[in-house]
N, C-alpha and C. Protein backbone atom coordinates (compact mmCIF):
# COMPACT_ATOMS: atom_id res chain seq x y z
N MET A 1 10.69 -25.92 -58.15
CA MET A 1 9.42 -25.28 -57.80
C MET A 1 8.26 -26.17 -58.24
N GLY A 2 7.22 -26.18 -57.42
CA GLY A 2 6.04 -26.96 -57.74
C GLY A 2 5.14 -26.20 -58.68
N ASN A 3 3.95 -26.70 -58.83
CA ASN A 3 2.96 -26.08 -59.70
C ASN A 3 2.35 -24.89 -58.97
N SER A 4 3.00 -23.73 -59.07
CA SER A 4 2.55 -22.55 -58.33
C SER A 4 1.24 -21.98 -58.88
N ALA A 5 0.88 -22.33 -60.11
CA ALA A 5 -0.36 -21.82 -60.69
C ALA A 5 -1.57 -22.34 -59.94
N SER A 6 -1.46 -23.51 -59.31
CA SER A 6 -2.61 -24.08 -58.61
C SER A 6 -2.63 -23.75 -57.13
N GLN A 7 -1.63 -23.03 -56.64
CA GLN A 7 -1.55 -22.68 -55.23
C GLN A 7 -2.27 -21.37 -54.95
N ILE A 8 -2.93 -21.35 -53.80
CA ILE A 8 -3.58 -20.11 -53.36
C ILE A 8 -2.71 -19.50 -52.29
N VAL A 9 -2.35 -18.25 -52.46
CA VAL A 9 -1.51 -17.55 -51.50
C VAL A 9 -2.35 -16.49 -50.81
N THR A 10 -2.21 -16.43 -49.51
CA THR A 10 -2.93 -15.42 -48.75
C THR A 10 -2.00 -14.84 -47.71
N GLU A 11 -2.43 -13.82 -47.01
CA GLU A 11 -1.63 -13.18 -45.98
C GLU A 11 -2.22 -13.44 -44.61
N THR A 12 -1.35 -13.52 -43.62
CA THR A 12 -1.83 -13.61 -42.25
C THR A 12 -2.28 -12.23 -41.79
N SER A 13 -3.08 -12.19 -40.75
CA SER A 13 -3.51 -10.91 -40.19
C SER A 13 -2.31 -10.11 -39.69
N THR A 14 -1.35 -10.80 -39.10
CA THR A 14 -0.15 -10.12 -38.59
C THR A 14 0.59 -9.44 -39.72
N ARG A 15 0.75 -10.11 -40.86
CA ARG A 15 1.43 -9.50 -42.00
C ARG A 15 0.68 -8.26 -42.48
N SER A 16 -0.65 -8.34 -42.54
CA SER A 16 -1.45 -7.20 -42.98
C SER A 16 -1.30 -6.02 -42.03
N VAL A 17 -1.28 -6.28 -40.73
CA VAL A 17 -1.11 -5.22 -39.74
C VAL A 17 0.26 -4.57 -39.87
N ILE A 18 1.31 -5.40 -40.00
CA ILE A 18 2.67 -4.88 -40.15
C ILE A 18 2.79 -4.05 -41.42
N LYS A 19 2.19 -4.51 -42.52
CA LYS A 19 2.21 -3.73 -43.77
C LYS A 19 1.50 -2.39 -43.58
N GLY A 20 0.37 -2.41 -42.89
CA GLY A 20 -0.36 -1.17 -42.65
C GLY A 20 0.44 -0.18 -41.81
N ILE A 21 1.09 -0.68 -40.78
CA ILE A 21 1.90 0.19 -39.91
C ILE A 21 3.09 0.75 -40.68
N THR A 22 3.81 -0.11 -41.41
CA THR A 22 4.98 0.39 -42.14
C THR A 22 4.58 1.38 -43.23
N TRP A 23 3.44 1.14 -43.89
CA TRP A 23 2.98 2.10 -44.90
C TRP A 23 2.64 3.44 -44.25
N ARG A 24 1.98 3.40 -43.10
CA ARG A 24 1.59 4.63 -42.42
C ARG A 24 2.84 5.41 -42.02
N LEU A 25 3.89 4.71 -41.57
CA LEU A 25 5.14 5.37 -41.19
C LEU A 25 5.81 6.01 -42.41
N VAL A 26 5.86 5.29 -43.53
CA VAL A 26 6.45 5.84 -44.75
C VAL A 26 5.67 7.07 -45.22
N ALA A 27 4.35 6.96 -45.22
CA ALA A 27 3.51 8.08 -45.67
C ALA A 27 3.66 9.28 -44.75
N THR A 28 3.71 9.05 -43.44
CA THR A 28 3.86 10.16 -42.50
C THR A 28 5.23 10.81 -42.65
N PHE A 29 6.26 10.00 -42.82
CA PHE A 29 7.60 10.55 -43.02
C PHE A 29 7.65 11.44 -44.25
N SER A 30 6.99 11.01 -45.34
CA SER A 30 6.99 11.84 -46.54
C SER A 30 6.21 13.14 -46.30
N THR A 31 5.16 13.08 -45.51
CA THR A 31 4.41 14.30 -45.16
C THR A 31 5.29 15.25 -44.36
N ILE A 32 6.06 14.71 -43.41
CA ILE A 32 6.96 15.54 -42.60
C ILE A 32 7.99 16.23 -43.49
N ILE A 33 8.55 15.48 -44.44
CA ILE A 33 9.55 16.06 -45.36
C ILE A 33 8.93 17.18 -46.19
N ILE A 34 7.75 16.93 -46.73
CA ILE A 34 7.07 17.96 -47.54
C ILE A 34 6.76 19.19 -46.69
N ALA A 35 6.26 18.97 -45.47
CA ALA A 35 5.94 20.09 -44.59
C ALA A 35 7.20 20.88 -44.24
N TYR A 36 8.30 20.18 -44.04
CA TYR A 36 9.56 20.88 -43.75
C TYR A 36 10.02 21.69 -44.95
N LEU A 37 9.92 21.11 -46.15
CA LEU A 37 10.34 21.83 -47.35
C LEU A 37 9.50 23.08 -47.58
N ILE A 38 8.23 23.03 -47.21
CA ILE A 38 7.35 24.19 -47.39
C ILE A 38 7.58 25.24 -46.31
N THR A 39 7.70 24.78 -45.06
CA THR A 39 7.78 25.73 -43.94
C THR A 39 9.20 26.05 -43.50
N GLY A 40 10.13 25.11 -43.70
CA GLY A 40 11.49 25.30 -43.20
C GLY A 40 11.59 25.15 -41.69
N GLU A 41 10.51 24.71 -41.05
CA GLU A 41 10.44 24.58 -39.59
C GLU A 41 10.29 23.12 -39.18
N THR A 42 11.28 22.60 -38.47
CA THR A 42 11.23 21.21 -38.03
C THR A 42 10.05 20.95 -37.10
N LYS A 43 9.85 21.83 -36.13
CA LYS A 43 8.77 21.65 -35.15
C LYS A 43 7.41 21.61 -35.84
N ILE A 44 7.17 22.52 -36.75
CA ILE A 44 5.88 22.55 -37.47
C ILE A 44 5.73 21.30 -38.33
N ALA A 45 6.80 20.90 -39.01
CA ALA A 45 6.75 19.70 -39.86
C ALA A 45 6.40 18.46 -39.03
N LEU A 46 6.99 18.33 -37.84
CA LEU A 46 6.70 17.19 -36.97
C LEU A 46 5.27 17.25 -36.44
N GLN A 47 4.80 18.45 -36.13
CA GLN A 47 3.41 18.59 -35.67
C GLN A 47 2.44 18.18 -36.77
N ILE A 48 2.69 18.64 -37.98
CA ILE A 48 1.84 18.26 -39.11
C ILE A 48 1.87 16.75 -39.31
N GLY A 49 3.06 16.16 -39.24
CA GLY A 49 3.19 14.72 -39.40
C GLY A 49 2.45 13.96 -38.32
N GLY A 50 2.50 14.44 -37.08
CA GLY A 50 1.80 13.78 -35.98
C GLY A 50 0.29 13.83 -36.15
N ILE A 51 -0.19 15.00 -36.53
CA ILE A 51 -1.63 15.15 -36.76
C ILE A 51 -2.06 14.28 -37.95
N GLU A 52 -1.27 14.29 -39.00
CA GLU A 52 -1.57 13.50 -40.19
C GLU A 52 -1.62 12.01 -39.87
N PHE A 53 -0.70 11.53 -39.03
CA PHE A 53 -0.63 10.11 -38.68
C PHE A 53 -1.94 9.65 -38.05
N VAL A 54 -2.41 10.39 -37.07
CA VAL A 54 -3.65 10.03 -36.36
C VAL A 54 -4.87 10.24 -37.26
N ALA A 55 -4.91 11.37 -37.94
CA ALA A 55 -6.06 11.70 -38.78
C ALA A 55 -6.24 10.69 -39.91
N LYS A 56 -5.16 10.29 -40.55
CA LYS A 56 -5.27 9.37 -41.69
C LYS A 56 -5.72 7.98 -41.25
N ILE A 57 -5.34 7.55 -40.06
CA ILE A 57 -5.84 6.27 -39.55
C ILE A 57 -7.35 6.36 -39.35
N ALA A 58 -7.81 7.45 -38.75
CA ALA A 58 -9.25 7.62 -38.52
C ALA A 58 -10.02 7.72 -39.84
N VAL A 59 -9.50 8.48 -40.78
CA VAL A 59 -10.16 8.64 -42.08
C VAL A 59 -10.20 7.31 -42.82
N TYR A 60 -9.11 6.54 -42.76
CA TYR A 60 -9.08 5.24 -43.43
C TYR A 60 -10.12 4.31 -42.83
N TYR A 61 -10.22 4.29 -41.51
CA TYR A 61 -11.21 3.45 -40.83
C TYR A 61 -12.62 3.81 -41.30
N LEU A 62 -12.94 5.09 -41.29
CA LEU A 62 -14.26 5.54 -41.75
C LEU A 62 -14.50 5.16 -43.21
N HIS A 63 -13.49 5.34 -44.03
CA HIS A 63 -13.58 5.00 -45.46
C HIS A 63 -13.91 3.52 -45.62
N GLU A 64 -13.22 2.64 -44.90
CA GLU A 64 -13.47 1.21 -44.98
C GLU A 64 -14.88 0.86 -44.50
N ARG A 65 -15.33 1.47 -43.42
CA ARG A 65 -16.65 1.17 -42.88
C ARG A 65 -17.75 1.62 -43.86
N ILE A 66 -17.55 2.73 -44.52
CA ILE A 66 -18.52 3.20 -45.52
C ILE A 66 -18.57 2.23 -46.70
N TRP A 67 -17.39 1.80 -47.18
CA TRP A 67 -17.35 0.88 -48.32
C TRP A 67 -17.96 -0.47 -48.00
N LEU A 68 -17.96 -0.87 -46.74
CA LEU A 68 -18.63 -2.13 -46.37
C LEU A 68 -20.13 -2.06 -46.65
N ARG A 69 -20.69 -0.88 -46.62
CA ARG A 69 -22.12 -0.69 -46.84
C ARG A 69 -22.50 -0.53 -48.31
N ILE A 70 -21.52 -0.39 -49.18
CA ILE A 70 -21.76 -0.18 -50.61
C ILE A 70 -21.70 -1.54 -51.32
N SER A 71 -22.72 -1.86 -52.08
CA SER A 71 -22.77 -3.17 -52.72
C SER A 71 -21.98 -3.23 -54.03
N PHE A 72 -21.60 -2.10 -54.59
CA PHE A 72 -20.87 -2.07 -55.86
C PHE A 72 -19.63 -2.97 -55.81
N GLY A 73 -19.52 -3.87 -56.80
CA GLY A 73 -18.34 -4.70 -56.94
C GLY A 73 -18.28 -5.91 -56.03
N LYS A 74 -19.30 -6.16 -55.25
CA LYS A 74 -19.30 -7.33 -54.38
C LYS A 74 -19.90 -8.51 -55.13
N LYS A 75 -19.38 -9.70 -54.83
CA LYS A 75 -19.90 -10.94 -55.43
C LYS A 75 -20.26 -11.90 -54.31
N ASN A 76 -21.30 -12.65 -54.53
CA ASN A 76 -21.64 -13.74 -53.62
C ASN A 76 -20.93 -14.98 -54.12
N LEU A 77 -20.09 -15.55 -53.26
CA LEU A 77 -19.37 -16.76 -53.63
C LEU A 77 -20.23 -17.97 -53.33
N PRO A 78 -20.10 -19.01 -54.13
CA PRO A 78 -20.87 -20.23 -53.85
C PRO A 78 -20.40 -20.87 -52.54
N THR A 79 -21.27 -21.63 -51.93
CA THR A 79 -20.88 -22.34 -50.73
C THR A 79 -19.85 -23.39 -51.09
N PRO A 80 -19.03 -23.83 -50.14
CA PRO A 80 -17.98 -24.80 -50.48
C PRO A 80 -18.48 -26.05 -51.17
N ALA A 81 -19.70 -26.50 -50.89
CA ALA A 81 -20.22 -27.71 -51.55
C ALA A 81 -20.44 -27.48 -53.04
N GLU A 82 -20.59 -26.23 -53.48
CA GLU A 82 -20.83 -25.93 -54.89
C GLU A 82 -19.53 -25.76 -55.69
N PHE A 83 -18.38 -25.69 -55.01
CA PHE A 83 -17.12 -25.55 -55.73
C PHE A 83 -16.82 -26.84 -56.48
N GLU A 84 -16.28 -26.65 -57.68
CA GLU A 84 -15.87 -27.82 -58.47
C GLU A 84 -14.36 -27.91 -58.40
N ILE A 85 -13.87 -29.13 -58.35
CA ILE A 85 -12.41 -29.34 -58.31
C ILE A 85 -11.95 -29.82 -59.67
């Protein structure tokens, strides 16, 4: 192995999208299981899961757009010419 401490690792957009989709599927599946355990009805559990899947994507999008407008925790990075090696 090389000097991994000096390497910068990042993710591709495709990887981020796939992670988001797989997380949404896992979260929706857990919602369906919980809804089934509460109601005992498969049809109702699937309906709740379907609504949750769409609603959570919309809520997440709105959440992200709101946070883009909040300055808390943001830093201005120096331009590349100001970086020291």
